[in-house]
Amino acid sequence: MTSKIKITKKDKIISQETFFILLNDFIRDSSIGRRTKKNGKKISFGTVQNYEYLQKTLLKFSEQSTFELKLYITDKLTQTEKEQAKRYFNKFYTQFTNFMYNKMENLLQ
């Protein structure tokens, strides 16, 4: 059963809490066959495992850093807000890749 998340037409940003709820629903729907490929076949177990790994990694990142995850709904943003969103995603990319490199380095030691 999917969660009841309401995103109105006025919403421009999805919060971290809502993002993780939606990601969890996405993974669950993929694993039970509610989401399918374009050809109608079920999404493979390996793909679902990759989604789960992504979720765990993003959760660890959000717990170990002060960076708050959020999603911008870009078709509802003004030009100024789009530039702000671009700066946010550049900052996210930098911090997340640093987290991944440091995490991988710690696992190899």
N, C-alpha and C. Protein backbone atom coordinates (compact mmCIF):
# COMPACT_ATOMS: atom_id res chain seq x y z
N MET A 1 0.85 -1.18 0.00
CA MET A 1 0.00 0.00 0.00
C MET A 1 0.89 1.24 0.00
N THR A 2 0.67 2.12 -0.92
CA THR A 2 1.51 3.31 -1.04
C THR A 2 1.12 4.35 -0.01
N SER A 3 2.08 5.19 0.35
CA SER A 3 1.84 6.26 1.30
C SER A 3 1.04 7.36 0.65
N LYS A 4 0.28 8.07 1.46
CA LYS A 4 -0.52 9.18 0.96
C LYS A 4 0.28 10.47 1.12
N ILE A 5 1.00 10.84 0.08
CA ILE A 5 1.77 12.07 0.05
C ILE A 5 1.06 13.01 -0.90
N LYS A 6 0.75 14.20 -0.41
CA LYS A 6 0.08 15.18 -1.27
C LYS A 6 1.08 16.23 -1.70
N ILE A 7 1.22 16.36 -3.01
CA ILE A 7 2.05 17.41 -3.58
C ILE A 7 1.10 18.29 -4.38
N THR A 8 0.95 19.52 -3.93
CA THR A 8 0.01 20.43 -4.58
C THR A 8 0.67 21.13 -5.76
N LYS A 9 -0.12 21.84 -6.53
CA LYS A 9 0.39 22.57 -7.68
C LYS A 9 1.31 23.72 -7.25
N LYS A 10 1.16 24.17 -6.01
CA LYS A 10 1.97 25.28 -5.52
C LYS A 10 3.33 24.81 -4.98
N ASP A 11 3.47 23.53 -4.68
CA ASP A 11 4.72 23.00 -4.13
C ASP A 11 5.84 23.10 -5.16
N LYS A 12 6.97 23.64 -4.72
CA LYS A 12 8.13 23.77 -5.60
C LYS A 12 9.28 22.89 -5.13
N ILE A 13 9.25 22.50 -3.84
CA ILE A 13 10.34 21.71 -3.26
C ILE A 13 9.75 20.53 -2.49
N ILE A 14 10.36 19.38 -2.65
CA ILE A 14 9.99 18.19 -1.87
C ILE A 14 11.04 18.02 -0.78
N SER A 15 10.60 17.94 0.46
CA SER A 15 11.51 17.86 1.61
C SER A 15 12.20 16.51 1.68
N GLN A 16 13.23 16.44 2.53
CA GLN A 16 13.99 15.20 2.71
C GLN A 16 13.10 14.07 3.20
N GLU A 17 12.26 14.36 4.16
CA GLU A 17 11.37 13.34 4.72
C GLU A 17 10.43 12.78 3.64
N THR A 18 9.84 13.66 2.88
CA THR A 18 8.94 13.24 1.80
C THR A 18 9.70 12.50 0.71
N PHE A 19 10.90 12.96 0.41
CA PHE A 19 11.74 12.29 -0.59
C PHE A 19 11.97 10.83 -0.22
N PHE A 20 12.33 10.57 1.05
CA PHE A 20 12.61 9.19 1.45
C PHE A 20 11.34 8.33 1.48
N ILE A 21 10.21 8.94 1.79
CA ILE A 21 8.94 8.20 1.73
C ILE A 21 8.64 7.82 0.28
N LEU A 22 8.80 8.77 -0.63
CA LEU A 22 8.54 8.50 -2.05
C LEU A 22 9.53 7.47 -2.61
N LEU A 23 10.79 7.56 -2.21
CA LEU A 23 11.80 6.60 -2.67
C LEU A 23 11.46 5.20 -2.17
N ASN A 24 11.03 5.10 -0.92
CA ASN A 24 10.65 3.80 -0.36
C ASN A 24 9.46 3.22 -1.13
N ASP A 25 8.47 4.06 -1.43
CA ASP A 25 7.32 3.60 -2.21
C ASP A 25 7.75 3.14 -3.61
N PHE A 26 8.66 3.89 -4.22
CA PHE A 26 9.18 3.56 -5.55
C PHE A 26 9.85 2.18 -5.53
N ILE A 27 10.66 1.94 -4.51
CA ILE A 27 11.36 0.65 -4.40
C ILE A 27 10.37 -0.48 -4.17
N ARG A 28 9.42 -0.26 -3.26
CA ARG A 28 8.43 -1.29 -2.96
C ARG A 28 7.59 -1.61 -4.21
N ASP A 29 7.13 -0.57 -4.91
CA ASP A 29 6.34 -0.79 -6.12
C ASP A 29 7.15 -1.51 -7.20
N SER A 30 8.43 -1.24 -7.26
CA SER A 30 9.30 -1.93 -8.23
C SER A 30 9.45 -3.40 -7.87
N SER A 31 9.58 -3.70 -6.59
CA SER A 31 9.83 -5.08 -6.17
C SER A 31 8.59 -5.97 -6.29
N ILE A 32 7.41 -5.40 -6.11
CA ILE A 32 6.19 -6.23 -6.17
C ILE A 32 5.59 -6.29 -7.57
N GLY A 33 6.16 -5.55 -8.51
CA GLY A 33 5.69 -5.63 -9.88
C GLY A 33 4.68 -4.55 -10.26
N ARG A 34 4.40 -3.62 -9.38
CA ARG A 34 3.48 -2.53 -9.71
C ARG A 34 4.10 -1.61 -10.76
N ARG A 35 5.42 -1.43 -10.69
CA ARG A 35 6.16 -0.69 -11.72
C ARG A 35 6.76 -1.72 -12.67
N THR A 36 6.67 -1.47 -13.95
CA THR A 36 7.23 -2.40 -14.94
C THR A 36 8.07 -1.64 -15.95
N LYS A 37 8.80 -2.42 -16.75
CA LYS A 37 9.56 -1.85 -17.86
C LYS A 37 8.59 -1.43 -18.96
N LYS A 38 9.10 -0.73 -19.96
CA LYS A 38 8.25 -0.30 -21.08
C LYS A 38 7.59 -1.47 -21.79
N ASN A 39 8.29 -2.59 -21.83
CA ASN A 39 7.74 -3.76 -22.52
C ASN A 39 6.77 -4.57 -21.65
N GLY A 40 6.50 -4.10 -20.43
CA GLY A 40 5.55 -4.76 -19.55
C GLY A 40 6.15 -5.79 -18.62
N LYS A 41 7.44 -6.08 -18.78
CA LYS A 41 8.09 -7.07 -17.90
C LYS A 41 8.39 -6.45 -16.54
N LYS A 42 8.45 -7.33 -15.56
CA LYS A 42 8.76 -6.91 -14.20
C LYS A 42 10.21 -6.42 -14.10
N ILE A 43 10.44 -5.44 -13.25
CA ILE A 43 11.79 -4.92 -13.02
C ILE A 43 12.60 -6.00 -12.30
N SER A 44 13.84 -6.20 -12.71
CA SER A 44 14.65 -7.31 -12.19
C SER A 44 15.03 -7.10 -10.72
N PHE A 45 15.31 -8.22 -10.09
CA PHE A 45 15.73 -8.22 -8.69
C PHE A 45 17.00 -7.40 -8.49
N GLY A 46 17.93 -7.50 -9.44
CA GLY A 46 19.19 -6.76 -9.35
C GLY A 46 18.97 -5.25 -9.39
N THR A 47 18.03 -4.81 -10.21
CA THR A 47 17.71 -3.38 -10.28
C THR A 47 17.12 -2.91 -8.96
N VAL A 48 16.23 -3.70 -8.39
CA VAL A 48 15.63 -3.36 -7.09
C VAL A 48 16.72 -3.29 -6.01
N GLN A 49 17.68 -4.21 -6.06
CA GLN A 49 18.80 -4.17 -5.10
C GLN A 49 19.60 -2.89 -5.27
N ASN A 50 19.81 -2.45 -6.50
CA ASN A 50 20.52 -1.19 -6.74
C ASN A 50 19.75 -0.01 -6.15
N TYR A 51 18.42 -0.01 -6.30
CA TYR A 51 17.59 1.04 -5.70
C TYR A 51 17.73 1.04 -4.18
N GLU A 52 17.73 -0.16 -3.57
CA GLU A 52 17.86 -0.27 -2.12
C GLU A 52 19.23 0.23 -1.65
N TYR A 53 20.27 -0.09 -2.42
CA TYR A 53 21.61 0.38 -2.07
C TYR A 53 21.68 1.91 -2.16
N LEU A 54 21.05 2.47 -3.18
CA LEU A 54 20.99 3.92 -3.31
C LEU A 54 20.30 4.53 -2.09
N GLN A 55 19.18 3.94 -1.68
CA GLN A 55 18.44 4.45 -0.53
C GLN A 55 19.31 4.41 0.74
N LYS A 56 19.97 3.29 0.98
CA LYS A 56 20.83 3.16 2.16
C LYS A 56 21.97 4.17 2.13
N THR A 57 22.56 4.36 0.95
CA THR A 57 23.68 5.29 0.82
C THR A 57 23.22 6.73 1.05
N LEU A 58 22.08 7.09 0.49
CA LEU A 58 21.55 8.45 0.71
C LEU A 58 21.17 8.68 2.17
N LEU A 59 20.63 7.65 2.82
CA LEU A 59 20.31 7.76 4.25
C LEU A 59 21.57 7.98 5.08
N LYS A 60 22.62 7.20 4.79
CA LYS A 60 23.89 7.37 5.50
C LYS A 60 24.46 8.76 5.27
N PHE A 61 24.40 9.21 4.03
CA PHE A 61 24.89 10.55 3.70
C PHE A 61 24.13 11.62 4.48
N SER A 62 22.81 11.50 4.52
CA SER A 62 22.02 12.51 5.22
C SER A 62 22.23 12.45 6.74
N GLU A 63 22.51 11.28 7.27
CA GLU A 63 22.76 11.14 8.71
C GLU A 63 24.14 11.66 9.09
N GLN A 64 25.15 11.43 8.24
CA GLN A 64 26.53 11.77 8.58
C GLN A 64 26.92 13.18 8.15
N SER A 65 26.07 13.86 7.41
CA SER A 65 26.38 15.22 7.01
C SER A 65 25.25 16.14 7.44
N THR A 66 25.49 17.41 7.39
CA THR A 66 24.46 18.37 7.74
C THR A 66 23.67 18.81 6.51
N PHE A 67 23.96 18.19 5.38
CA PHE A 67 23.32 18.55 4.12
C PHE A 67 21.92 17.97 4.07
N GLU A 68 20.93 18.81 3.83
CA GLU A 68 19.55 18.34 3.75
C GLU A 68 19.19 18.05 2.30
N LEU A 69 18.69 16.85 2.07
CA LEU A 69 18.27 16.47 0.72
C LEU A 69 16.91 17.08 0.41
N LYS A 70 16.77 17.57 -0.79
CA LYS A 70 15.48 18.07 -1.25
C LYS A 70 15.44 17.98 -2.76
N LEU A 71 14.24 17.91 -3.29
CA LEU A 71 14.03 17.85 -4.73
C LEU A 71 13.25 19.08 -5.16
N TYR A 72 13.73 19.70 -6.22
CA TYR A 72 13.02 20.83 -6.80
C TYR A 72 12.14 20.33 -7.93
N ILE A 73 10.92 20.84 -8.00
CA ILE A 73 10.03 20.55 -9.12
C ILE A 73 10.26 21.67 -10.12
N THR A 74 11.12 21.41 -11.09
CA THR A 74 11.69 22.46 -11.92
C THR A 74 10.69 23.17 -12.82
N ASP A 75 9.64 22.50 -13.24
CA ASP A 75 8.69 23.18 -14.12
C ASP A 75 7.84 24.22 -13.39
N LYS A 76 7.95 24.29 -12.07
CA LYS A 76 7.20 25.27 -11.28
C LYS A 76 8.08 26.41 -10.77
N LEU A 77 9.36 26.41 -11.14
CA LEU A 77 10.30 27.39 -10.62
C LEU A 77 10.44 28.60 -11.54
N THR A 78 10.69 29.74 -10.92
CA THR A 78 11.05 30.92 -11.70
C THR A 78 12.50 30.77 -12.13
N GLN A 79 12.96 31.66 -13.00
CA GLN A 79 14.34 31.59 -13.48
C GLN A 79 15.33 31.73 -12.32
N THR A 80 15.07 32.64 -11.39
CA THR A 80 15.94 32.82 -10.23
C THR A 80 15.97 31.56 -9.37
N GLU A 81 14.81 30.95 -9.18
CA GLU A 81 14.73 29.72 -8.39
C GLU A 81 15.43 28.57 -9.11
N LYS A 82 15.38 28.55 -10.43
CA LYS A 82 16.10 27.51 -11.19
C LYS A 82 17.60 27.65 -11.00
N GLU A 83 18.09 28.87 -10.97
CA GLU A 83 19.52 29.09 -10.73
C GLU A 83 19.90 28.67 -9.31
N GLN A 84 19.02 28.95 -8.36
CA GLN A 84 19.25 28.53 -6.98
C GLN A 84 19.28 27.00 -6.90
N ALA A 85 18.35 26.34 -7.60
CA ALA A 85 18.31 24.88 -7.62
C ALA A 85 19.58 24.31 -8.25
N LYS A 86 20.08 24.95 -9.30
CA LYS A 86 21.31 24.50 -9.95
C LYS A 86 22.49 24.58 -8.98
N ARG A 87 22.58 25.67 -8.22
CA ARG A 87 23.65 25.80 -7.21
C ARG A 87 23.50 24.73 -6.13
N TYR A 88 22.26 24.46 -5.72
CA TYR A 88 22.01 23.42 -4.71
C TYR A 88 22.50 22.07 -5.22
N PHE A 89 22.14 21.70 -6.46
CA PHE A 89 22.54 20.39 -7.00
C PHE A 89 24.04 20.28 -7.22
N ASN A 90 24.68 21.38 -7.58
CA ASN A 90 26.15 21.37 -7.68
C ASN A 90 26.78 21.13 -6.31
N LYS A 91 26.24 21.77 -5.29
CA LYS A 91 26.74 21.58 -3.93
C LYS A 91 26.48 20.13 -3.47
N PHE A 92 25.27 19.63 -3.77
CA PHE A 92 24.95 18.25 -3.42
C PHE A 92 25.92 17.29 -4.10
N TYR A 93 26.15 17.48 -5.40
CA TYR A 93 27.04 16.61 -6.15
C TYR A 93 28.43 16.58 -5.52
N THR A 94 28.96 17.75 -5.19
CA THR A 94 30.30 17.84 -4.60
C THR A 94 30.35 17.11 -3.26
N GLN A 95 29.40 17.40 -2.40
CA GLN A 95 29.41 16.78 -1.07
C GLN A 95 29.14 15.28 -1.13
N PHE A 96 28.24 14.86 -2.01
CA PHE A 96 27.92 13.43 -2.09
C PHE A 96 29.08 12.65 -2.68
N THR A 97 29.73 13.17 -3.71
CA THR A 97 30.88 12.46 -4.28
C THR A 97 32.03 12.41 -3.28
N ASN A 98 32.25 13.49 -2.53
CA ASN A 98 33.27 13.45 -1.48
C ASN A 98 32.93 12.39 -0.44
N PHE A 99 31.67 12.31 -0.06
CA PHE A 99 31.21 11.30 0.89
C PHE A 99 31.49 9.90 0.35
N MET A 100 31.17 9.67 -0.92
CA MET A 100 31.37 8.35 -1.52
C MET A 100 32.85 7.99 -1.60
N TYR A 101 33.69 8.93 -2.00
CA TYR A 101 35.13 8.65 -2.08
C TYR A 101 35.69 8.34 -0.69
N ASN A 102 35.30 9.13 0.30
CA ASN A 102 35.78 8.89 1.67
C ASN A 102 35.24 7.57 2.21
N LYS A 103 34.00 7.26 1.93
CA LYS A 103 33.40 6.01 2.38
C LYS A 103 34.11 4.82 1.75
N MET A 104 34.33 4.89 0.47
CA MET A 104 35.03 3.80 -0.23
C MET A 104 36.47 3.66 0.28
N GLU A 105 37.09 4.78 0.53
CA GLU A 105 38.48 4.75 1.06
C GLU A 105 38.50 4.08 2.42
N ASN A 106 37.52 4.37 3.26
CA ASN A 106 37.46 3.77 4.59
C ASN A 106 37.17 2.26 4.50
N LEU A 107 36.38 1.84 3.52
CA LEU A 107 36.10 0.43 3.36
C LEU A 107 37.31 -0.36 2.89
N LEU A 108 38.18 0.30 2.11
CA LEU A 108 39.35 -0.40 1.58
C LEU A 108 40.47 -0.52 2.61
N GLN A 109 40.43 0.29 3.65
CA GLN A 109 41.52 0.25 4.66
C GLN A 109 41.28 -0.82 5.68
